[in-house]
Amino acid sequence: MRTKRIRKVYSALFLSIFFLKMAISIAPIYASLYDSKHVMAVILQLEIENHSGKSNCGDTNIENFSKEFATVINWDIFMTPLRYLAIKQYVTDDDISVKSFYPSVPTPPPNC
């Protein structure tokens, strides 16, 4: 049971990594936010991964990739703009708990 769960988790992880790499490789087609440096960095990374002689050696072509990719990253994309945080309205604790009012009702007199 445990190995099935672990296999499913790892297969979902690797499948998501695969789809993410495919989305990154076709991103220049549908996204107009990227300039030519972004496109060249993505293509260079995919070429290095696909055409390296050793499959598990990650440091062979790292100097070719890291120089180009380090100049391209725009870290402002990953920061949440303050305008989106200011729009969000948070519910206070007083609004969450409902304070009900139960008025006292006198008992009606019996029918004689």
Protein backbone atom coordinates (compact mmCIF):
# COMPACT_ATOMS: atom_id res chain seq x y z
CA MET A 1 0.00 0.00 0.00
CA ARG A 2 2.77 2.38 0.93
CA THR A 3 4.82 1.63 -2.18
CA LYS A 4 1.80 2.26 -4.41
CA ARG A 5 1.31 5.65 -2.82
CA ILE A 6 5.00 6.51 -3.17
CA ARG A 7 4.97 5.42 -6.82
CA LYS A 8 1.93 7.58 -7.51
CA VAL A 9 3.51 10.60 -5.83
CA TYR A 10 6.77 10.23 -7.73
CA SER A 11 5.02 9.58 -11.03
CA ALA A 12 2.88 12.70 -10.52
CA LEU A 13 6.02 14.68 -9.66
CA PHE A 14 7.93 13.59 -12.75
CA LEU A 15 4.88 13.98 -14.97
CA SER A 16 4.37 17.53 -13.72
CA ILE A 17 8.06 18.30 -14.34
CA PHE A 18 7.72 16.93 -17.87
CA PHE A 19 4.63 19.01 -18.63
CA LEU A 20 6.25 22.09 -17.11
CA LYS A 21 9.28 21.66 -19.36
CA MET A 22 7.05 21.26 -22.38
CA ALA A 23 5.06 24.37 -21.43
CA ILE A 24 8.27 26.33 -21.02
CA SER A 25 9.53 25.18 -24.39
CA ILE A 26 6.38 26.36 -26.20
CA ALA A 27 5.88 29.48 -24.07
CA PRO A 28 7.45 31.85 -26.64
CA ILE A 29 4.68 30.90 -29.06
CA TYR A 30 1.74 31.99 -26.92
CA ALA A 31 3.27 34.49 -24.50
CA SER A 32 4.23 37.95 -25.62
CA LEU A 33 5.89 38.85 -22.30
CA TYR A 34 9.14 37.16 -23.21
CA ASP A 35 11.84 38.81 -25.26
CA SER A 36 14.45 37.09 -27.40
CA LYS A 37 16.83 36.56 -24.47
CA HIS A 38 14.24 34.49 -22.64
CA VAL A 39 13.60 32.41 -25.73
CA MET A 40 17.30 31.84 -26.33
CA ALA A 41 17.87 30.83 -22.70
CA VAL A 42 15.07 28.26 -22.83
CA ILE A 43 16.27 26.84 -26.13
CA LEU A 44 19.84 26.69 -24.84
CA GLN A 45 18.75 24.80 -21.73
CA LEU A 46 16.77 22.26 -23.74
CA GLU A 47 19.67 21.77 -26.15
CA ILE A 48 22.09 21.18 -23.28
CA GLU A 49 19.78 18.63 -21.66
CA ASN A 50 19.03 16.75 -24.87
CA HIS A 51 22.47 16.66 -26.50
CA SER A 52 24.80 16.09 -23.57
CA GLY A 53 27.06 13.06 -23.90
CA LYS A 54 26.65 11.91 -20.32
CA SER A 55 23.11 11.61 -19.07
CA ASN A 56 23.74 12.18 -15.35
CA CYS A 57 26.50 14.75 -15.55
CA GLY A 58 24.97 18.15 -14.88
CA ASP A 59 28.16 20.21 -14.57
CA THR A 60 29.54 19.65 -18.07
CA ASN A 61 27.81 22.53 -19.85
CA ILE A 62 26.73 24.55 -16.85
CA GLU A 63 29.02 27.48 -17.65
CA ASN A 64 27.40 27.89 -21.07
CA PHE A 65 23.92 27.94 -19.64
CA SER A 66 24.45 29.85 -16.38
CA LYS A 67 26.04 32.93 -17.97
CA GLU A 68 23.12 33.47 -20.34
CA PHE A 69 20.34 32.48 -17.96
CA ALA A 70 21.59 34.58 -15.03
CA THR A 71 21.28 37.75 -17.08
CA VAL A 72 17.76 36.92 -18.28
CA ILE A 73 15.90 36.21 -15.02
CA ASN A 74 13.56 38.98 -14.00
CA TRP A 75 12.90 38.45 -10.29
CA ASP A 76 10.07 41.00 -10.21
CA ILE A 77 7.76 38.44 -11.79
CA PHE A 78 7.85 36.31 -8.64
CA MET A 79 6.96 39.14 -6.26
CA THR A 80 3.28 39.74 -5.54
CA PRO A 81 2.29 43.29 -6.41
CA LEU A 82 0.88 45.35 -3.57
CA ARG A 83 -2.15 46.36 -5.59
CA TYR A 84 -3.45 42.78 -5.50
CA LEU A 85 -2.93 42.55 -1.76
CA ALA A 86 -4.75 45.83 -1.12
CA ILE A 87 -7.88 44.67 -2.97
CA LYS A 88 -8.32 41.54 -0.90
CA GLN A 89 -10.70 42.05 2.01
CA TYR A 90 -10.13 39.98 5.08
CA VAL A 91 -12.93 38.88 7.43
CA THR A 92 -12.42 39.84 11.06
CA ASP A 93 -13.07 37.43 13.91
CA ASP A 94 -16.11 39.42 15.04
CA ASP A 95 -17.78 38.92 11.68
CA ILE A 96 -17.18 35.18 11.68
CA SER A 97 -18.98 34.40 14.93
CA VAL A 98 -22.67 35.17 14.72
CA LYS A 99 -24.13 36.66 17.86
CA SER A 100 -27.72 35.53 17.95
CA PHE A 101 -30.40 37.39 19.88
CA TYR A 102 -33.06 35.29 21.54
CA PRO A 103 -35.77 37.52 23.06
CA SER A 104 -37.61 36.22 26.07
CA VAL A 105 -41.18 35.33 25.22
CA PRO A 106 -43.65 35.02 28.09
CA THR A 107 -45.67 31.86 28.28
CA PRO A 108 -49.27 32.42 27.18
CA PRO A 109 -52.02 31.86 29.76
CA PRO A 110 -53.78 28.52 29.69
CA ASN A 111 -57.16 28.31 28.01
CA CYS A 112 -59.83 27.87 30.68
